[in-house]
């Protein structure tokens, strides 16, 4: 979710007052454009800001276009040889193969049949669970759902201390098997001012052994979330009003300590905001934000920046683990790497 999208959502709210369980469709060809494989995008740039980037991305590597025709790509996950992702505004969930062939997996994936036009009430992030099923976050229905092998949905987590979530946004499993997810208000029509908002904070939650806890309560707009390869550091992006990426030490039982800002972004009301992130096998943080995706060393040094002609919302490791697939406003891009990504705890 970018600031520009937030402004757009507010515009929608002025006319609409901004930005259930649904039946799942069987996969079928999508209306999105199937692009030929390996289409190089000339408007993109891999900006080298430090020589350390050369160990991560081979100099001269170009960004490729995989597929297009979406309204706002988000929440990607590599599964069964394809990139699964959400169209947060289009209210659909897709899978795209490396050759660009795209399938619609679930229509109305956010849980609402008729959300306001242009709102961010579709589905968002997803991850494979220990049993091979998929956990998916729904902005529209404000919950975490589980998808079985037939893509049938059932609620998994809906409330904290009796109150509905805001709009679960991004999620990750830590190496100890606990589920962590962020819960900003982007799926609520009036965000924090929405009368439907029940929680007094925008939190980061941890679910383990049937127990749900609010691990972080003091970030204004938590968004992307990721762990270091050893699981000892948690990273969380904050989308506003101040834009930054936080890091925390992770102790036994998921107890967090030593909160520190990894990087800060300049204030710019017209800029994109820190959104989804992933960590590679060397521990570098790939964080979307103003101006594209920054590749950040664990020390906080920015090694490089991937600039796209549109907003980059999130990314996932695909193919052999050495390809970064990027979900953007209307397109799916990819970039080959010299090193692998830090792969999810559970995969299929």
C-alpha atoms as a PDB file:
ATOM      1  CA  UNK A   1       0.000   0.000   0.000  1.00  0.00           C
ATOM      2  CA  UNK A   2       1.616   3.247  -1.107  1.00  0.00           C
ATOM      3  CA  UNK A   3       1.039   6.812  -0.075  1.00  0.00           C
ATOM      4  CA  UNK A   4      -0.212   7.545  -3.555  1.00  0.00           C
ATOM      5  CA  UNK A   5      -2.683   4.707  -3.139  1.00  0.00           C
ATOM      6  CA  UNK A   6      -3.624   6.046   0.273  1.00  0.00           C
ATOM      7  CA  UNK A   7      -4.322   9.441  -1.326  1.00  0.00           C
ATOM      8  CA  UNK A   8      -6.375   7.709  -4.014  1.00  0.00           C
ATOM      9  CA  UNK A   9      -8.274   5.814  -1.339  1.00  0.00           C
ATOM     10  CA  UNK A  10      -9.023   9.046   0.477  1.00  0.00           C
ATOM     11  CA  UNK A  11     -10.369  10.515  -2.755  1.00  0.00           C
ATOM     12  CA  UNK A  12     -12.630   7.516  -3.118  1.00  0.00           C
ATOM     13  CA  UNK A  13     -13.779   7.994   0.470  1.00  0.00           C
ATOM     14  CA  UNK A  14     -14.920  11.517  -0.281  1.00  0.00           C
ATOM     15  CA  UNK A  15     -17.450  10.187  -2.742  1.00  0.00           C
ATOM     16  CA  UNK A  16     -18.165   6.793  -1.245  1.00  0.00           C
ATOM     17  CA  UNK A  17     -17.738   7.938   2.363  1.00  0.00           C
ATOM     18  CA  UNK A  18     -12.028   6.021   0.748  1.00  0.00           C
ATOM     19  CA  UNK A  19      -9.968   3.103   0.998  1.00  0.00           C
ATOM     20  CA  UNK A  20     -19.434 -14.083   3.982  1.00  0.00           C
ATOM     21  CA  UNK A  21     -17.331 -16.351   3.097  1.00  0.00           C
ATOM     22  CA  UNK A  22     -17.142 -16.566  -0.663  1.00  0.00           C
ATOM     23  CA  UNK A  23     -17.219 -19.513  -3.001  1.00  0.00           C
ATOM     24  CA  UNK A  24     -13.883 -20.366  -4.554  1.00  0.00           C
ATOM     25  CA  UNK A  25     -13.542 -20.748  -8.264  1.00  0.00           C
ATOM     26  CA  UNK A  26     -11.481 -23.447  -9.885  1.00  0.00           C
ATOM     27  CA  UNK A  27      -8.367 -22.140 -11.643  1.00  0.00           C
ATOM     28  CA  UNK A  28      -9.079 -20.885 -15.142  1.00  0.00           C
ATOM     29  CA  UNK A  29      -7.342 -18.561 -17.581  1.00  0.00           C
ATOM     30  CA  UNK A  30      -7.263 -14.968 -16.351  1.00  0.00           C
ATOM     31  CA  UNK A  31      -8.118 -11.828 -18.248  1.00  0.00           C
ATOM     32  CA  UNK A  32      -4.634 -10.478 -17.494  1.00  0.00           C
ATOM     33  CA  UNK A  33      -2.181 -10.256 -20.362  1.00  0.00           C
ATOM     34  CA  UNK A  34       0.122 -13.254 -20.783  1.00  0.00           C
ATOM     35  CA  UNK A  35       3.505 -11.833 -21.704  1.00  0.00           C
ATOM     36  CA  UNK A  36       6.228 -13.758 -23.536  1.00  0.00           C
ATOM     37  CA  UNK A  37       8.977 -14.987 -21.261  1.00  0.00           C
ATOM     38  CA  UNK A  38      12.151 -12.882 -20.799  1.00  0.00           C
ATOM     39  CA  UNK A  39      10.722  -9.548 -21.930  1.00  0.00           C
ATOM     40  CA  UNK A  40      13.304  -6.981 -20.828  1.00  0.00           C
ATOM     41  CA  UNK A  41      11.815  -3.747 -19.484  1.00  0.00           C
ATOM     42  CA  UNK A  42      13.867  -0.746 -20.637  1.00  0.00           C
ATOM     43  CA  UNK A  43      12.345   1.656 -18.081  1.00  0.00           C
ATOM     44  CA  UNK A  44      13.821  -0.314 -15.173  1.00  0.00           C
ATOM     45  CA  UNK A  45      17.196   0.189 -13.514  1.00  0.00           C
ATOM     46  CA  UNK A  46      19.338  -1.820 -11.107  1.00  0.00           C
ATOM     47  CA  UNK A  47      21.184   0.985  -9.361  1.00  0.00           C
ATOM     48  CA  UNK A  48      24.533  -0.016  -7.798  1.00  0.00           C
ATOM     49  CA  UNK A  49      25.130   2.066  -4.655  1.00  0.00           C
ATOM     50  CA  UNK A  50      27.839  -0.107  -3.114  1.00  0.00           C
ATOM     51  CA  UNK A  51      30.254  -2.678  -4.515  1.00  0.00           C
ATOM     52  CA  UNK A  52      28.707  -5.239  -2.168  1.00  0.00           C
ATOM     53  CA  UNK A  53      25.773  -5.437  -4.583  1.00  0.00           C
ATOM     54  CA  UNK A  54      27.968  -7.345  -7.065  1.00  0.00           C
ATOM     55  CA  UNK A  55      27.916 -10.406  -4.809  1.00  0.00           C
ATOM     56  CA  UNK A  56      24.108 -10.335  -4.847  1.00  0.00           C
ATOM     57  CA  UNK A  57      23.264  -9.372  -8.440  1.00  0.00           C
ATOM     58  CA  UNK A  58      25.621  -9.807 -11.374  1.00  0.00           C
ATOM     59  CA  UNK A  59      26.429  -6.434 -12.960  1.00  0.00           C
ATOM     60  CA  UNK A  60      24.428  -5.884 -16.116  1.00  0.00           C
ATOM     61  CA  UNK A  61      21.487  -8.052 -15.015  1.00  0.00           C
ATOM     62  CA  UNK A  62      18.219  -6.659 -16.340  1.00  0.00           C
ATOM     63  CA  UNK A  63      14.682  -6.715 -14.996  1.00  0.00           C
ATOM     64  CA  UNK A  64      12.245  -8.817 -17.047  1.00  0.00           C
ATOM     65  CA  UNK A  65       8.491  -8.501 -17.478  1.00  0.00           C
ATOM     66  CA  UNK A  66       6.505 -11.671 -16.724  1.00  0.00           C
ATOM     67  CA  UNK A  67       2.813 -10.661 -16.900  1.00  0.00           C
ATOM     68  CA  UNK A  68       0.596  -7.568 -16.836  1.00  0.00           C
ATOM     69  CA  UNK A  69      -3.004  -6.414 -16.667  1.00  0.00           C
ATOM     70  CA  UNK A  70      -3.559  -6.214 -12.895  1.00  0.00           C
ATOM     71  CA  UNK A  71      -4.835  -3.408 -10.686  1.00  0.00           C
ATOM     72  CA  UNK A  72      -2.449  -3.781  -7.732  1.00  0.00           C
ATOM     73  CA  UNK A  73      -0.266  -6.888  -7.357  1.00  0.00           C
ATOM     74  CA  UNK A  74       0.558  -7.878  -3.779  1.00  0.00           C
ATOM     75  CA  UNK A  75       1.292 -10.705  -1.341  1.00  0.00           C
ATOM     76  CA  UNK A  76       3.357 -13.056  -3.578  1.00  0.00           C
ATOM     77  CA  UNK A  77       4.284 -16.641  -2.703  1.00  0.00           C
ATOM     78  CA  UNK A  78       6.139 -19.265  -4.784  1.00  0.00           C
ATOM     79  CA  UNK A  79       4.176 -22.525  -4.831  1.00  0.00           C
ATOM     80  CA  UNK A  80       4.224 -25.615  -7.043  1.00  0.00           C
ATOM     81  CA  UNK A  81       6.394 -23.961  -9.679  1.00  0.00           C
ATOM     82  CA  UNK A  82       4.305 -20.784  -9.990  1.00  0.00           C
ATOM     83  CA  UNK A  83       4.027 -17.372  -8.387  1.00  0.00           C
ATOM     84  CA  UNK A  84       0.767 -17.059  -6.464  1.00  0.00           C
ATOM     85  CA  UNK A  85      -0.246 -13.472  -5.727  1.00  0.00           C
ATOM     86  CA  UNK A  86      -3.173 -11.197  -4.941  1.00  0.00           C
ATOM     87  CA  UNK A  87      -4.651  -8.352  -6.909  1.00  0.00           C
ATOM     88  CA  UNK A  88      -5.536  -6.263  -3.885  1.00  0.00           C
ATOM     89  CA  UNK A  89      -7.696  -3.782  -5.784  1.00  0.00           C
ATOM     90  CA  UNK A  90      -9.033  -6.266  -8.336  1.00  0.00           C
ATOM     91  CA  UNK A  91     -10.188  -8.562  -5.492  1.00  0.00           C
ATOM     92  CA  UNK A  92      -8.703 -11.667  -7.132  1.00  0.00           C
ATOM     93  CA  UNK A  93      -5.961 -14.215  -6.507  1.00  0.00           C
ATOM     94  CA  UNK A  94      -3.782 -15.417  -9.391  1.00  0.00           C
ATOM     95  CA  UNK A  95      -0.981 -17.825 -10.244  1.00  0.00           C
ATOM     96  CA  UNK A  96       1.529 -17.024 -12.971  1.00  0.00           C
ATOM     97  CA  UNK A  97       4.000 -19.522 -14.469  1.00  0.00           C
ATOM     98  CA  UNK A  98       7.575 -18.597 -15.440  1.00  0.00           C
ATOM     99  CA  UNK A  99       6.452 -18.432 -19.090  1.00  0.00           C
ATOM    100  CA  UNK A 100       3.887 -15.746 -18.203  1.00  0.00           C
ATOM    101  CA  UNK A 101       0.782 -17.914 -18.425  1.00  0.00           C
ATOM    102  CA  UNK A 102      -1.654 -16.605 -15.813  1.00  0.00           C
ATOM    103  CA  UNK A 103      -4.529 -18.379 -14.067  1.00  0.00           C
ATOM    104  CA  UNK A 104      -7.274 -16.937 -11.897  1.00  0.00           C
ATOM    105  CA  UNK A 105      -7.342 -19.008  -8.716  1.00  0.00           C
ATOM    106  CA  UNK A 106     -10.017 -17.230  -6.666  1.00  0.00           C
ATOM    107  CA  UNK A 107     -12.427 -14.456  -7.571  1.00  0.00           C
ATOM    108  CA  UNK A 108     -13.607 -12.102  -4.778  1.00  0.00           C
ATOM    109  CA  UNK A 109     -10.577 -13.321  -2.833  1.00  0.00           C
ATOM    110  CA  UNK A 110     -10.892 -10.564  -0.230  1.00  0.00           C
ATOM    111  CA  UNK A 111     -14.199 -12.024   0.876  1.00  0.00           C
ATOM    112  CA  UNK A 112     -16.529  -9.228  -0.265  1.00  0.00           C
ATOM    113  CA  UNK A 113     -18.690  -9.535  -3.362  1.00  0.00           C
ATOM    114  CA  UNK A 114     -18.946  -5.813  -4.147  1.00  0.00           C
ATOM    115  CA  UNK A 115     -16.295  -3.695  -2.401  1.00  0.00           C
ATOM    116  CA  UNK A 116     -16.130   0.015  -3.309  1.00  0.00           C
ATOM    117  CA  UNK A 117     -14.431   0.592  -6.665  1.00  0.00           C
ATOM    118  CA  UNK A 118     -10.723   1.271  -6.246  1.00  0.00           C
ATOM    119  CA  UNK A 119     -10.636   0.157  -2.611  1.00  0.00           C
ATOM    120  CA  UNK A 120      -7.962  -2.109  -1.159  1.00  0.00           C
ATOM    121  CA  UNK A 121     -10.331  -4.807   0.043  1.00  0.00           C
ATOM    122  CA  UNK A 122      -9.059  -7.833  -1.846  1.00  0.00           C
ATOM    123  CA  UNK A 123      -6.763 -10.539  -0.536  1.00  0.00           C
ATOM    124  CA  UNK A 124      -3.150  -9.790   0.322  1.00  0.00           C
ATOM    125  CA  UNK A 125      -0.244 -11.930   1.529  1.00  0.00           C
ATOM    126  CA  UNK A 126      -0.182 -15.721   1.660  1.00  0.00           C
ATOM    127  CA  UNK A 127       2.132 -18.473   2.879  1.00  0.00           C
ATOM    128  CA  UNK A 128       2.279 -22.258   2.849  1.00  0.00           C
ATOM    129  CA  UNK A 129       1.678 -23.751   6.296  1.00  0.00           C
ATOM    130  CA  UNK A 130       3.236 -26.833   7.891  1.00  0.00           C
ATOM    131  CA  UNK A 131       0.494 -29.149   6.600  1.00  0.00           C
ATOM    132  CA  UNK A 132       0.790 -27.895   3.015  1.00  0.00           C
ATOM    133  CA  UNK A 133      -2.332 -25.744   3.120  1.00  0.00           C
ATOM    134  CA  UNK A 134      -2.171 -22.005   2.423  1.00  0.00           C
ATOM    135  CA  UNK A 135      -2.829 -19.194   4.883  1.00  0.00           C
ATOM    136  CA  UNK A 136      -4.134 -16.067   3.146  1.00  0.00           C
ATOM    137  CA  UNK A 137      -4.933 -12.606   4.481  1.00  0.00           C
ATOM    138  CA  UNK A 138      -8.198 -10.919   3.535  1.00  0.00           C
ATOM    139  CA  UNK A 139      -8.512  -7.140   3.720  1.00  0.00           C
ATOM    140  CA  UNK A 140     -12.214  -7.230   2.931  1.00  0.00           C
ATOM    141  CA  UNK A 141     -13.213  -9.740   5.608  1.00  0.00           C
ATOM    142  CA  UNK A 142     -10.409  -8.590   7.961  1.00  0.00           C
ATOM    143  CA  UNK A 143      -9.112 -12.045   8.813  1.00  0.00           C
ATOM    144  CA  UNK A 144      -6.695 -14.883   8.161  1.00  0.00           C
ATOM    145  CA  UNK A 145      -8.174 -17.809   6.241  1.00  0.00           C
ATOM    146  CA  UNK A 146      -6.898 -21.277   5.356  1.00  0.00           C
ATOM    147  CA  UNK A 147      -7.144 -22.638   1.813  1.00  0.00           C
ATOM    148  CA  UNK A 148      -7.228 -26.382   1.266  1.00  0.00           C
ATOM    149  CA  UNK A 149      -6.025 -28.243  -1.827  1.00  0.00           C
ATOM    150  CA  UNK A 150      -9.284 -27.357  -3.613  1.00  0.00           C
ATOM    151  CA  UNK A 151      -8.962 -23.667  -2.657  1.00  0.00           C
ATOM    152  CA  UNK A 152     -11.909 -23.936  -0.298  1.00  0.00           C
ATOM    153  CA  UNK A 153     -11.680 -21.300   2.449  1.00  0.00           C
ATOM    154  CA  UNK A 154     -12.280 -21.493   6.144  1.00  0.00           C
ATOM    155  CA  UNK A 155     -11.542 -18.882   8.808  1.00  0.00           C
ATOM    156  CA  UNK A 156      -8.361 -19.339  10.826  1.00  0.00           C
ATOM    157  CA  UNK A 157      -7.914 -16.116  12.824  1.00  0.00           C
ATOM    158  CA  UNK A 158     -10.466 -13.302  12.981  1.00  0.00           C
ATOM    159  CA  UNK A 159     -10.185 -11.524  16.326  1.00  0.00           C
ATOM    160  CA  UNK A 160      -7.792 -10.463  19.056  1.00  0.00           C
ATOM    161  CA  UNK A 161      -9.220 -10.303  22.568  1.00  0.00           C
ATOM    162  CA  UNK A 162     -12.724 -10.365  21.087  1.00  0.00           C
ATOM    163  CA  UNK A 163     -12.134  -7.506  18.627  1.00  0.00           C
ATOM    164  CA  UNK A 164     -11.917  -7.833  14.855  1.00  0.00           C
ATOM    165  CA  UNK A 165      -8.589  -7.261  13.155  1.00  0.00           C
ATOM    166  CA  UNK A 166      -8.117  -4.094  11.086  1.00  0.00           C
ATOM    167  CA  UNK A 167      -7.033  -5.677   7.783  1.00  0.00           C
ATOM    168  CA  UNK A 168      -4.265  -8.308   8.052  1.00  0.00           C
ATOM    169  CA  UNK A 169      -1.652  -7.324   5.477  1.00  0.00           C
ATOM    170  CA  UNK A 170       1.611  -9.304   5.390  1.00  0.00           C
ATOM    171  CA  UNK A 171       2.738 -12.513   7.067  1.00  0.00           C
ATOM    172  CA  UNK A 172       5.737 -14.767   7.606  1.00  0.00           C
ATOM    173  CA  UNK A 173       6.610 -17.919   9.521  1.00  0.00           C
ATOM    174  CA  UNK A 174       9.616 -17.639  11.832  1.00  0.00           C
ATOM    175  CA  UNK A 175      12.124 -20.504  11.927  1.00  0.00           C
ATOM    176  CA  UNK A 176      10.484 -21.831  15.122  1.00  0.00           C
ATOM    177  CA  UNK A 177       7.212 -22.297  13.194  1.00  0.00           C
ATOM    178  CA  UNK A 178       5.296 -19.361  14.688  1.00  0.00           C
ATOM    179  CA  UNK A 179       3.094 -17.273  12.391  1.00  0.00           C
ATOM    180  CA  UNK A 180       3.634 -13.502  12.430  1.00  0.00           C
ATOM    181  CA  UNK A 181       1.491 -10.940  10.608  1.00  0.00           C
ATOM    182  CA  UNK A 182       0.956  -7.190  10.407  1.00  0.00           C
ATOM    183  CA  UNK A 183      -2.447  -5.546  10.817  1.00  0.00           C
ATOM    184  CA  UNK A 184      -2.622  -1.944   9.518  1.00  0.00           C
ATOM    185  CA  UNK A 185      -5.980  -0.300   8.675  1.00  0.00           C
ATOM    186  CA  UNK A 186      -5.513  -0.058   4.892  1.00  0.00           C
ATOM    187  CA  UNK A 187      -8.557  -2.216   4.155  1.00  0.00           C
ATOM    188  CA  UNK A 188     -10.873   0.003   6.207  1.00  0.00           C
ATOM    189  CA  UNK A 189     -12.627   2.696   4.199  1.00  0.00           C
ATOM    190  CA  UNK A 190     -11.498   5.557   6.453  1.00  0.00           C
ATOM    191  CA  UNK A 191      -8.381   3.832   7.832  1.00  0.00           C
ATOM    192  CA  UNK A 192      -7.779   4.717  11.500  1.00  0.00           C
ATOM    193  CA  UNK A 193     -10.811   7.012  11.517  1.00  0.00           C
ATOM    194  CA  UNK A 194     -13.159   4.302  10.276  1.00  0.00           C
ATOM    195  CA  UNK A 195     -16.027   3.623  12.708  1.00  0.00           C
ATOM    196  CA  UNK A 196     -15.693  -0.101  11.927  1.00  0.00           C
ATOM    197  CA  UNK A 197     -12.203  -0.178  13.445  1.00  0.00           C
ATOM    198  CA  UNK A 198     -12.347  -2.102  16.722  1.00  0.00           C
ATOM    199  CA  UNK A 199      -8.716  -2.376  17.849  1.00  0.00           C
ATOM    200  CA  UNK A 200      -7.109   0.696  19.380  1.00  0.00           C
ATOM    201  CA  UNK A 201      -3.760  -0.031  17.716  1.00  0.00           C
ATOM    202  CA  UNK A 202      -2.254  -1.288  14.456  1.00  0.00           C
ATOM    203  CA  UNK A 203      -0.317  -4.323  15.562  1.00  0.00           C
ATOM    204  CA  UNK A 204       2.112  -7.060  14.695  1.00  0.00           C
ATOM    205  CA  UNK A 205       0.749 -10.400  15.898  1.00  0.00           C
ATOM    206  CA  UNK A 206       2.329 -13.752  16.693  1.00  0.00           C
ATOM    207  CA  UNK A 207       0.418 -17.038  16.686  1.00  0.00           C
ATOM    208  CA  UNK A 208       2.034 -20.152  18.142  1.00  0.00           C
ATOM    209  CA  UNK A 209       0.642 -23.321  19.712  1.00  0.00           C
ATOM    210  CA  UNK A 210      -2.887 -21.940  19.522  1.00  0.00           C
ATOM    211  CA  UNK A 211      -2.017 -18.693  21.336  1.00  0.00           C
ATOM    212  CA  UNK A 212      -2.309 -15.262  19.699  1.00  0.00           C
ATOM    213  CA  UNK A 213      -0.298 -12.369  21.122  1.00  0.00           C
ATOM    214  CA  UNK A 214       0.261  -8.748  20.076  1.00  0.00           C
ATOM    215  CA  UNK A 215       4.057  -8.615  19.787  1.00  0.00           C
ATOM    216  CA  UNK A 216       4.160  -4.950  18.670  1.00  0.00           C
ATOM    217  CA  UNK A 217       1.557  -2.294  19.446  1.00  0.00           C
ATOM    218  CA  UNK A 218       3.407   0.988  18.977  1.00  0.00           C
ATOM    219  CA  UNK A 219       4.024   1.244  15.211  1.00  0.00           C
ATOM    220  CA  UNK A 220       1.629   3.663  13.470  1.00  0.00           C
ATOM    221  CA  UNK A 221       1.346   1.677  10.221  1.00  0.00           C
ATOM    222  CA  UNK A 222       3.182  -1.676  10.261  1.00  0.00           C
ATOM    223  CA  UNK A 223       3.298  -3.225   6.811  1.00  0.00           C
ATOM    224  CA  UNK A 224       5.972  -5.619   5.467  1.00  0.00           C
ATOM    225  CA  UNK A 225       7.535  -8.249   7.726  1.00  0.00           C
ATOM    226  CA  UNK A 226      10.502 -10.632   7.447  1.00  0.00           C
ATOM    227  CA  UNK A 227      13.077 -12.538   9.514  1.00  0.00           C
ATOM    228  CA  UNK A 228      16.826 -12.856   9.234  1.00  0.00           C
ATOM    229  CA  UNK A 229      17.963 -16.325   8.097  1.00  0.00           C
ATOM    230  CA  UNK A 230      18.826 -17.351  11.675  1.00  0.00           C
ATOM    231  CA  UNK A 231      15.500 -16.027  13.009  1.00  0.00           C
ATOM    232  CA  UNK A 232      17.231 -13.809  15.552  1.00  0.00           C
ATOM    233  CA  UNK A 233      16.178 -10.519  13.946  1.00  0.00           C
ATOM    234  CA  UNK A 234      12.694  -9.368  12.935  1.00  0.00           C
ATOM    235  CA  UNK A 235      12.228  -6.621  10.349  1.00  0.00           C
ATOM    236  CA  UNK A 236       9.015  -4.588  10.025  1.00  0.00           C
ATOM    237  CA  UNK A 237       8.386  -1.704   7.637  1.00  0.00           C
ATOM    238  CA  UNK A 238       6.325   1.276   8.780  1.00  0.00           C
ATOM    239  CA  UNK A 239       4.370   3.127   6.081  1.00  0.00           C
ATOM    240  CA  UNK A 240       3.720   6.422   7.837  1.00  0.00           C
ATOM    241  CA  UNK A 241       3.449   9.125   8.895  1.00  0.00           C
ATOM    242  CA  UNK A 242       7.228   8.697   9.265  1.00  0.00           C
ATOM    243  CA  UNK A 243       8.589   6.056   6.898  1.00  0.00           C
ATOM    244  CA  UNK A 244      11.202   3.585   8.125  1.00  0.00           C
ATOM    245  CA  UNK A 245      12.161  -0.073   8.579  1.00  0.00           C
ATOM    246  CA  UNK A 246      12.499  -1.355  12.145  1.00  0.00           C
ATOM    247  CA  UNK A 247      14.572  -4.256  13.405  1.00  0.00           C
ATOM    248  CA  UNK A 248      14.123  -6.173  16.661  1.00  0.00           C
ATOM    249  CA  UNK A 249      16.074  -8.843  18.480  1.00  0.00           C
ATOM    250  CA  UNK A 250      14.015 -12.018  18.813  1.00  0.00           C
ATOM    251  CA  UNK A 251      14.319 -14.001  22.021  1.00  0.00           C
ATOM    252  CA  UNK A 252      12.835 -17.226  23.311  1.00  0.00           C
ATOM    253  CA  UNK A 253       9.112 -17.518  22.716  1.00  0.00           C
ATOM    254  CA  UNK A 254       9.169 -14.620  20.263  1.00  0.00           C
ATOM    255  CA  UNK A 255       9.924 -11.968  22.882  1.00  0.00           C
ATOM    256  CA  UNK A 256      11.200  -8.830  21.133  1.00  0.00           C
ATOM    257  CA  UNK A 257      13.828  -6.397  22.398  1.00  0.00           C
ATOM    258  CA  UNK A 258      16.206  -3.656  21.264  1.00  0.00           C
ATOM    259  CA  UNK A 259      13.955  -1.929  18.698  1.00  0.00           C
ATOM    260  CA  UNK A 260      16.134  -0.005  16.241  1.00  0.00           C
ATOM    261  CA  UNK A 261      15.523   1.810  12.979  1.00  0.00           C
ATOM    262  CA  UNK A 262      17.385   0.016  10.197  1.00  0.00           C
ATOM    263  CA  UNK A 263      16.770   2.782   7.641  1.00  0.00           C
ATOM    264  CA  UNK A 264      14.627   5.908   7.409  1.00  0.00           C
ATOM    265  CA  UNK A 265      13.076   7.473   4.320  1.00  0.00           C
ATOM    266  CA  UNK A 266      12.705  11.201   3.727  1.00  0.00           C
ATOM    267  CA  UNK A 267       9.251  12.664   4.254  1.00  0.00           C
ATOM    268  CA  UNK A 268       7.464  12.995   0.929  1.00  0.00           C
ATOM    269  CA  UNK A 269       3.655  12.933   0.777  1.00  0.00           C
ATOM    270  CA  UNK A 270       3.789  12.043  -2.935  1.00  0.00           C
ATOM    271  CA  UNK A 271       6.211   9.128  -2.588  1.00  0.00           C
ATOM    272  CA  UNK A 272       5.509   5.422  -2.377  1.00  0.00           C
ATOM    273  CA  UNK A 273       5.787   4.009   1.129  1.00  0.00           C
ATOM    274  CA  UNK A 274       7.697   1.113   2.713  1.00  0.00           C
ATOM    275  CA  UNK A 275       5.679  -1.995   1.931  1.00  0.00           C
ATOM    276  CA  UNK A 276       6.546  -5.688   1.504  1.00  0.00           C
ATOM    277  CA  UNK A 277       9.998  -7.145   2.071  1.00  0.00           C
ATOM    278  CA  UNK A 278      12.040 -10.337   1.877  1.00  0.00           C
ATOM    279  CA  UNK A 279      15.495 -11.381   3.108  1.00  0.00           C
ATOM    280  CA  UNK A 280      18.057 -13.203   0.982  1.00  0.00           C
ATOM    281  CA  UNK A 281      20.382 -16.027   2.075  1.00  0.00           C
ATOM    282  CA  UNK A 282      23.150 -13.537   2.927  1.00  0.00           C
ATOM    283  CA  UNK A 283      20.820 -11.667   5.275  1.00  0.00           C
ATOM    284  CA  UNK A 284      20.269  -8.653   3.014  1.00  0.00           C
ATOM    285  CA  UNK A 285      16.834  -7.047   3.312  1.00  0.00           C
ATOM    286  CA  UNK A 286      14.984  -6.385   0.055  1.00  0.00           C
ATOM    287  CA  UNK A 287      12.492  -3.698   1.051  1.00  0.00           C
ATOM    288  CA  UNK A 288       9.993  -1.976  -1.217  1.00  0.00           C
ATOM    289  CA  UNK A 289       9.593   1.723  -0.590  1.00  0.00           C
ATOM    290  CA  UNK A 290       9.930   5.177  -2.139  1.00  0.00           C
ATOM    291  CA  UNK A 291      11.653   4.831  -5.504  1.00  0.00           C
ATOM    292  CA  UNK A 292      11.538   1.042  -5.761  1.00  0.00           C
ATOM    293  CA  UNK A 293      13.122  -1.867  -3.904  1.00  0.00           C
ATOM    294  CA  UNK A 294      16.221  -1.215  -1.822  1.00  0.00           C
ATOM    295  CA  UNK A 295      18.696  -3.992  -1.059  1.00  0.00           C
ATOM    296  CA  UNK A 296      19.976  -3.309   2.434  1.00  0.00           C
ATOM    297  CA  UNK A 297      22.825  -5.051   4.255  1.00  0.00           C
ATOM    298  CA  UNK A 298      22.083  -6.158   7.842  1.00  0.00           C
ATOM    299  CA  UNK A 299      24.246  -3.223   8.990  1.00  0.00           C
ATOM    300  CA  UNK A 300      21.829  -0.791   7.342  1.00  0.00           C
ATOM    301  CA  UNK A 301      24.084   0.050   4.389  1.00  0.00           C
ATOM    302  CA  UNK A 302      22.089   0.351   1.167  1.00  0.00           C
ATOM    303  CA  UNK A 303      23.767  -1.781  -1.503  1.00  0.00           C
ATOM    304  CA  UNK A 304      21.471  -1.028  -4.393  1.00  0.00           C
ATOM    305  CA  UNK A 305      18.051  -0.070  -5.620  1.00  0.00           C
ATOM    306  CA  UNK A 306      15.706  -1.641  -8.182  1.00  0.00           C
ATOM    307  CA  UNK A 307      13.756   1.106  -9.916  1.00  0.00           C
ATOM    308  CA  UNK A 308      10.576   0.281 -11.804  1.00  0.00           C
ATOM    309  CA  UNK A 309       8.225   2.462 -13.872  1.00  0.00           C
ATOM    310  CA  UNK A 310       5.464   1.846 -11.307  1.00  0.00           C
ATOM    311  CA  UNK A 311       4.993   1.096  -7.610  1.00  0.00           C
ATOM    312  CA  UNK A 312       6.717  -2.058  -6.386  1.00  0.00           C
ATOM    313  CA  UNK A 313       4.627  -3.538  -3.582  1.00  0.00           C
ATOM    314  CA  UNK A 314       6.298  -6.833  -2.641  1.00  0.00           C
ATOM    315  CA  UNK A 315       8.441  -9.729  -3.847  1.00  0.00           C
ATOM    316  CA  UNK A 316       9.044 -13.446  -3.451  1.00  0.00           C
ATOM    317  CA  UNK A 317      11.832 -15.891  -4.274  1.00  0.00           C
ATOM    318  CA  UNK A 318      10.986 -18.165  -7.181  1.00  0.00           C
ATOM    319  CA  UNK A 319      12.305 -20.671  -9.725  1.00  0.00           C
ATOM    320  CA  UNK A 320      15.405 -22.240  -8.105  1.00  0.00           C
ATOM    321  CA  UNK A 321      15.330 -19.669  -5.306  1.00  0.00           C
ATOM    322  CA  UNK A 322      17.636 -17.315  -7.190  1.00  0.00           C
ATOM    323  CA  UNK A 323      14.948 -15.229  -8.896  1.00  0.00           C
ATOM    324  CA  UNK A 324      13.214 -12.268  -7.289  1.00  0.00           C
ATOM    325  CA  UNK A 325       9.632 -12.037  -8.553  1.00  0.00           C
ATOM    326  CA  UNK A 326       8.244  -8.539  -7.932  1.00  0.00           C
ATOM    327  CA  UNK A 327       4.552  -7.649  -7.690  1.00  0.00           C
ATOM    328  CA  UNK A 328       3.869  -4.083  -8.816  1.00  0.00           C
ATOM    329  CA  UNK A 329       0.849  -1.913  -9.538  1.00  0.00           C
ATOM    330  CA  UNK A 330      -0.102  -3.549 -12.829  1.00  0.00           C
ATOM    331  CA  UNK A 331       2.669  -6.000 -13.668  1.00  0.00           C
ATOM    332  CA  UNK A 332       4.809  -8.880 -12.434  1.00  0.00           C
ATOM    333  CA  UNK A 333       8.569  -8.493 -12.913  1.00  0.00           C
ATOM    334  CA  UNK A 334      11.562 -10.700 -12.148  1.00  0.00           C
ATOM    335  CA  UNK A 335      15.295 -10.402 -11.637  1.00  0.00           C
ATOM    336  CA  UNK A 336      17.952 -13.135 -11.486  1.00  0.00           C
ATOM    337  CA  UNK A 337      20.378 -13.173  -8.549  1.00  0.00           C
ATOM    338  CA  UNK A 338      23.813 -14.594  -7.855  1.00  0.00           C
ATOM    339  CA  UNK A 339      22.743 -15.815  -4.435  1.00  0.00           C
ATOM    340  CA  UNK A 340      19.544 -17.446  -3.267  1.00  0.00           C
ATOM    341  CA  UNK A 341      16.731 -16.004  -1.241  1.00  0.00           C
ATOM    342  CA  UNK A 342      16.071 -17.027   2.329  1.00  0.00           C
ATOM    343  CA  UNK A 343      13.324 -19.494   1.471  1.00  0.00           C
ATOM    344  CA  UNK A 344      10.095 -19.805   3.472  1.00  0.00           C
ATOM    345  CA  UNK A 345      10.014 -22.202   6.424  1.00  0.00           C
ATOM    346  CA  UNK A 346       7.280 -24.253   4.714  1.00  0.00           C
ATOM    347  CA  UNK A 347       7.175 -24.778   0.961  1.00  0.00           C
ATOM    348  CA  UNK A 348       5.340 -26.737  -1.700  1.00  0.00           C
END
